[in-house]
Amino acid sequence: MVSLAPRIRLNDGHSIPQIGLGTWPLDDDEVASVIVAATGLGYRHIDTAAKYGNETGVGAGIAASGLARDELFVTTKLDGQFQGDDRALAGLDASLQRLKLDYVDLLLIHWPLPGRDEYVSTFRTFAALQESGKARSIGVSNFKPAHLERLVAETGITPAVNQIELNPYVVRAEQRAANDHLGIVTESWSPLGPNTGLLTDPRILAIAGAHDRTPGQIVLRWHVQQGLVAIPKSRTPERLADNLEVFDFELTADELATIAEFSEGPDAGVDSDVTGH
């Protein structure tokens, strides 16, 4: 029997599986077979974006999985070319056509791009898309506290999710606190900290050994115990299975304190004013 990730309730009444499948940078040809393998292992949350260029492959993988639509939670994101002037209307229609879906479970503004000053009007368009049923929930990605405060103040709508770069090296304490204050679920992209050496650090290896787990499972468990949603990515069935099997053990307070030592400070990570995942 496959194991399913528990779900976290969103502020609009819907819920999101706590572990999902990140699909960047897989292309159309690669991603379909990965989705079939992942759903067979128990994944029910799939994350993509128009910018990734793989929505067609994601749609093919979903179709090939054999799962009913209501068993899956599908996220896509619209980037800067779809901001302002109701451009998101056509943007989501194109994404749905590529995905071969009638709706997405979560639609995100990929980056705030504050220099363009269009994220507020774009979110109003997102609200219209939610009202139409083409997006069950709406949210943002790579938004800082000031962006969120303005968005809520000017639209009266609170995003359901803020997807940000987050891992033990990049803890985003201020952003997480702002999300929590507003009732926004924090979702972690790059949850395993690629190219950081996190998974080979002796401290993580020691914790993994104590629990007879992989280093990746220890880091993902760190996300889970803080109430975060995480979207790790992998191509291999073994790693896909490992990433989902993090709900049957707990890190101790001392182990969490050890992992807390990894933080590189509040300014570490990608500058979301310029770019993002």
Protein backbone atom coordinates (compact mmCIF):
# COMPACT_ATOMS: atom_id res chain seq x y z
CA MET A 1 0.00 0.00 0.00
CA VAL A 2 1.30 3.46 -0.87
CA SER A 3 1.83 5.98 1.90
CA LEU A 4 0.25 9.41 1.49
CA ALA A 5 1.58 12.62 2.98
CA PRO A 6 -0.68 14.30 5.53
CA ARG A 7 -2.41 17.46 4.41
CA ILE A 8 -2.15 20.97 5.84
CA ARG A 9 -5.26 23.12 5.86
CA LEU A 10 -5.12 26.36 3.88
CA ASN A 11 -6.82 29.62 4.85
CA ASP A 12 -9.44 29.18 2.12
CA GLY A 13 -10.66 25.82 3.43
CA HIS A 14 -8.75 23.62 1.00
CA SER A 15 -5.73 21.53 2.04
CA ILE A 16 -2.30 20.74 0.60
CA PRO A 17 -0.19 17.56 0.95
CA GLN A 18 2.84 18.35 3.10
CA ILE A 19 5.35 16.68 0.76
CA GLY A 20 5.12 17.19 -2.98
CA LEU A 21 7.10 16.50 -6.12
CA GLY A 22 9.15 19.38 -7.49
CA THR A 23 9.53 19.09 -11.27
CA TRP A 24 12.14 21.75 -12.10
CA PRO A 25 14.41 21.35 -14.12
CA LEU A 26 12.91 18.22 -15.72
CA ASP A 27 11.80 18.67 -19.33
CA ASP A 28 8.66 17.34 -20.98
CA ASP A 29 10.28 14.05 -21.95
CA GLU A 30 11.76 13.38 -18.52
CA VAL A 31 8.97 14.52 -16.25
CA ALA A 32 6.11 12.28 -17.41
CA SER A 33 7.78 9.03 -16.34
CA VAL A 34 8.90 10.59 -13.04
CA ILE A 35 5.31 11.57 -12.25
CA VAL A 36 4.06 8.06 -13.02
CA ALA A 37 6.71 6.61 -10.68
CA ALA A 38 6.03 9.19 -7.98
CA THR A 39 2.26 8.77 -7.96
CA GLY A 40 2.74 5.02 -7.79
CA LEU A 41 4.78 5.55 -4.63
CA GLY A 42 2.11 7.74 -3.05
CA TYR A 43 2.80 11.30 -4.17
CA ARG A 44 -0.38 13.31 -4.62
CA HIS A 45 1.12 16.81 -4.87
CA ILE A 46 2.86 17.94 -8.08
CA ASP A 47 4.52 21.34 -8.54
CA THR A 48 5.26 22.90 -11.92
CA ALA A 49 5.32 26.35 -13.57
CA ALA A 50 4.85 27.92 -16.97
CA LYS A 51 8.49 29.02 -16.79
CA TYR A 52 9.71 25.44 -16.32
CA GLY A 53 8.63 24.51 -19.84
CA ASN A 54 7.41 21.09 -18.72
CA GLU A 55 3.66 21.49 -18.21
CA THR A 56 2.91 19.33 -21.25
CA GLY A 57 4.98 16.51 -19.81
CA VAL A 58 3.41 17.00 -16.38
CA GLY A 59 -0.02 16.67 -17.97
CA ALA A 60 1.04 13.51 -19.78
CA GLY A 61 2.35 12.04 -16.54
CA ILE A 62 -0.86 12.87 -14.70
CA ALA A 63 -2.92 11.22 -17.45
CA ALA A 64 -0.69 8.14 -17.43
CA SER A 65 -0.86 7.83 -13.63
CA GLY A 66 -4.41 6.54 -13.83
CA LEU A 67 -5.42 8.55 -10.79
CA ALA A 68 -8.71 10.43 -10.60
CA ARG A 69 -8.28 14.21 -10.86
CA ASP A 70 -9.58 14.81 -7.34
CA GLU A 71 -6.83 12.58 -5.90
CA LEU A 72 -4.12 15.00 -7.03
CA PHE A 73 -3.03 18.45 -5.91
CA VAL A 74 -1.47 20.29 -8.86
CA THR A 75 0.33 23.63 -8.60
CA THR A 76 1.48 25.86 -11.41
CA LYS A 77 2.96 29.36 -11.44
CA LEU A 78 2.71 32.29 -13.82
CA ASP A 79 5.82 34.44 -14.28
CA GLY A 80 6.38 38.06 -15.25
CA GLN A 81 5.00 37.94 -18.78
CA PHE A 82 1.58 37.20 -17.29
CA GLN A 83 1.56 40.08 -14.79
CA GLY A 84 -0.79 43.04 -15.23
CA ASP A 85 -3.68 43.86 -17.60
CA ASP A 86 -5.49 40.55 -16.96
CA ARG A 87 -2.69 38.70 -18.74
CA ALA A 88 -3.04 35.87 -16.22
CA LEU A 89 -6.39 34.94 -17.77
CA ALA A 90 -4.78 33.76 -20.99
CA GLY A 91 -1.73 32.57 -19.09
CA LEU A 92 -3.67 30.11 -16.99
CA ASP A 93 -5.77 28.99 -19.95
CA ALA A 94 -2.55 28.11 -21.79
CA SER A 95 -1.19 26.25 -18.76
CA LEU A 96 -4.42 24.29 -18.38
CA GLN A 97 -4.32 23.39 -22.06
CA ARG A 98 -0.77 22.08 -21.71
CA LEU A 99 -1.64 20.22 -18.51
CA LYS A 100 -4.88 18.93 -20.04
CA LEU A 101 -6.73 19.90 -16.85
CA ASP A 102 -9.85 21.91 -16.15
CA TYR A 103 -8.37 23.54 -13.05
CA VAL A 104 -5.26 23.69 -10.89
CA ASP A 105 -5.40 23.26 -7.16
CA LEU A 106 -2.97 26.12 -6.55
CA LEU A 107 -1.99 29.04 -8.78
CA LEU A 108 1.01 31.14 -7.73
CA ILE A 109 2.51 34.44 -8.86
CA HIS A 110 6.02 33.16 -9.56
CA TRP A 111 7.90 36.31 -8.47
CA PRO A 112 6.75 39.69 -7.11
CA LEU A 113 8.91 41.75 -9.54
CA PRO A 114 8.22 44.91 -7.51
CA GLY A 115 10.02 47.12 -10.00
CA ARG A 116 7.19 46.44 -12.46
CA ASP A 117 4.56 47.17 -9.79
CA GLU A 118 2.01 44.77 -11.25
CA TYR A 119 1.73 42.03 -8.63
CA VAL A 120 -1.29 43.61 -6.90
CA SER A 121 -3.37 43.87 -10.07
CA THR A 122 -2.22 40.37 -11.03
CA PHE A 123 -3.45 38.97 -7.75
CA ARG A 124 -6.85 40.56 -8.36
CA THR A 125 -6.91 38.65 -11.65
CA PHE A 126 -5.96 35.50 -9.74
CA ALA A 127 -8.96 36.10 -7.49
CA ALA A 128 -11.18 36.19 -10.58
CA LEU A 129 -9.64 32.93 -11.75
CA GLN A 130 -10.36 31.40 -8.36
CA GLU A 131 -13.95 32.62 -8.57
CA SER A 132 -14.27 31.02 -12.01
CA GLY A 133 -13.12 27.66 -10.65
CA LYS A 134 -9.99 27.44 -12.79
CA ALA A 135 -7.82 27.73 -9.66
CA ARG A 136 -8.98 26.25 -6.37
CA SER A 137 -6.48 28.22 -4.28
CA ILE A 138 -4.27 31.20 -5.10
CA GLY A 139 -0.97 32.28 -3.66
CA VAL A 140 2.47 33.67 -4.31
CA SER A 141 6.09 32.63 -4.58
CA ASN A 142 9.25 34.44 -3.48
CA PHE A 143 7.27 37.24 -1.79
CA LYS A 144 8.83 39.19 1.07
CA PRO A 145 6.85 40.54 4.06
CA ALA A 146 6.46 44.02 2.54
CA HIS A 147 5.04 42.52 -0.66
CA LEU A 148 2.55 40.45 1.33
CA GLU A 149 1.45 43.37 3.48
CA ARG A 150 0.75 45.53 0.45
CA LEU A 151 -1.01 42.70 -1.37
CA VAL A 152 -3.41 42.04 1.50
CA ALA A 153 -3.97 45.74 2.22
CA GLU A 154 -4.84 46.62 -1.38
CA THR A 155 -6.81 43.53 -2.41
CA GLY A 156 -8.36 42.39 0.87
CA ILE A 157 -7.34 38.84 -0.10
CA THR A 158 -4.73 36.79 1.73
CA PRO A 159 -2.66 34.34 -0.32
CA ALA A 160 -3.08 30.71 0.71
CA VAL A 161 0.61 29.87 0.19
CA ASN A 162 3.95 31.64 -0.12
CA GLN A 163 6.49 29.33 -1.76
CA ILE A 164 10.03 30.43 -0.91
CA GLU A 165 13.57 29.08 -0.94
CA LEU A 166 13.94 27.45 2.47
CA ASN A 167 16.29 24.89 4.01
CA PRO A 168 18.48 24.68 7.13
CA TYR A 169 21.01 27.03 5.54
CA VAL A 170 18.34 29.51 4.41
CA VAL A 171 15.77 29.61 7.21
CA ARG A 172 13.85 32.77 6.19
CA ALA A 173 12.74 33.49 9.75
CA GLU A 174 11.27 36.92 8.96
CA GLN A 175 9.35 35.67 5.94
CA ARG A 176 8.02 32.66 7.82
CA ALA A 177 6.91 34.85 10.71
CA ALA A 178 5.09 37.17 8.31
CA ASN A 179 3.41 34.20 6.63
CA ASP A 180 2.33 32.80 9.99
CA HIS A 181 0.97 36.16 11.13
CA LEU A 182 -1.22 36.37 8.05
CA GLY A 183 -2.28 32.71 8.10
CA ILE A 184 -0.31 31.85 4.97
CA VAL A 185 1.21 28.37 4.62
CA THR A 186 4.95 28.44 3.93
CA GLU A 187 6.10 26.08 1.20
CA SER A 188 9.80 25.30 0.74
CA TRP A 189 11.46 25.15 -2.65
CA SER A 190 14.99 23.75 -2.68
CA PRO A 191 14.20 22.08 0.68
CA LEU A 192 17.33 19.91 0.57
CA GLY A 193 19.65 22.81 -0.18
CA PRO A 194 21.27 21.60 -3.43
CA ASN A 195 24.94 22.42 -3.97
CA THR A 196 25.34 23.42 -0.32
CA GLY A 197 26.94 20.27 1.10
CA LEU A 198 24.03 19.94 3.52
CA LEU A 199 23.46 16.25 2.85
CA THR A 200 27.12 15.37 3.40
CA ASP A 201 27.61 17.44 6.54
CA PRO A 202 28.87 15.22 9.39
CA ARG A 203 26.23 16.59 11.76
CA ILE A 204 23.40 15.57 9.42
CA LEU A 205 25.08 12.21 8.81
CA ALA A 206 25.26 11.59 12.56
CA ILE A 207 21.56 12.36 13.03
CA ALA A 208 20.73 10.14 10.06
CA GLY A 209 22.72 7.31 11.58
CA ALA A 210 20.94 7.67 14.91
CA HIS A 211 17.56 7.22 13.21
CA ASP A 212 18.71 4.76 10.52
CA ARG A 213 17.53 7.24 7.90
CA THR A 214 19.06 9.00 4.90
CA PRO A 215 20.40 12.56 5.23
CA GLY A 216 17.63 13.76 2.92
CA GLN A 217 14.99 12.24 5.17
CA ILE A 218 16.46 14.07 8.16
CA VAL A 219 16.29 17.44 6.38
CA LEU A 220 12.77 16.81 5.12
CA ARG A 221 11.71 15.78 8.62
CA TRP A 222 13.08 19.15 9.81
CA HIS A 223 10.64 20.83 7.40
CA VAL A 224 7.75 18.62 8.50
CA GLN A 225 8.23 19.25 12.21
CA GLN A 226 8.06 22.99 11.60
CA GLY A 227 4.75 22.72 9.79
CA LEU A 228 6.22 23.53 6.39
CA VAL A 229 5.24 22.09 3.03
CA ALA A 230 8.25 20.84 1.04
CA ILE A 231 8.63 19.97 -2.65
CA PRO A 232 11.86 18.00 -3.09
CA LYS A 233 12.78 16.85 -6.57
CA SER A 234 14.32 13.60 -7.77
CA ARG A 235 14.39 11.42 -10.88
CA THR A 236 15.05 8.08 -9.17
CA PRO A 237 12.33 5.84 -7.66
CA GLU A 238 14.48 5.01 -4.63
CA ARG A 239 15.04 8.66 -3.75
CA LEU A 240 11.41 9.50 -4.50
CA ALA A 241 10.33 6.82 -2.03
CA ASP A 242 12.81 8.02 0.60
CA ASN A 243 11.58 11.61 0.34
CA LEU A 244 8.03 10.56 1.14
CA GLU A 245 8.87 8.32 4.08
CA VAL A 246 9.43 11.02 6.71
CA PHE A 247 6.25 10.82 8.77
CA ASP A 248 7.02 7.88 11.08
CA PHE A 249 9.87 9.31 13.19
CA GLU A 250 10.70 12.53 15.04
CA LEU A 251 13.81 14.60 15.53
CA THR A 252 14.68 15.35 19.13
CA ALA A 253 14.99 18.85 20.55
CA ASP A 254 18.77 18.46 20.61
CA GLU A 255 18.80 17.36 16.97
CA LEU A 256 16.68 20.34 15.97
CA ALA A 257 19.07 22.59 17.88
CA THR A 258 22.01 21.10 15.97
CA ILE A 259 20.29 21.73 12.64
CA ALA A 260 19.53 25.30 13.74
CA GLU A 261 23.30 25.93 13.74
CA PHE A 262 23.34 25.65 9.95
CA SER A 263 21.63 28.99 9.27
CA GLU A 264 23.76 31.38 7.24
CA GLY A 265 21.76 34.41 8.33
CA PRO A 266 18.62 36.27 7.24
CA ASP A 267 20.07 37.49 3.94
CA ALA A 268 21.21 34.11 2.62
CA GLY A 269 19.68 32.69 -0.53
CA VAL A 270 18.13 34.08 -3.71
CA ASP A 271 17.09 37.75 -3.92
CA SER A 272 13.44 37.34 -4.85
CA ASP A 273 13.26 40.95 -6.07
CA VAL A 274 15.37 39.88 -9.01
CA THR A 275 14.81 36.21 -9.65
CA GLY A 276 13.60 32.99 -8.09
CA HIS A 277 12.91 29.30 -8.60
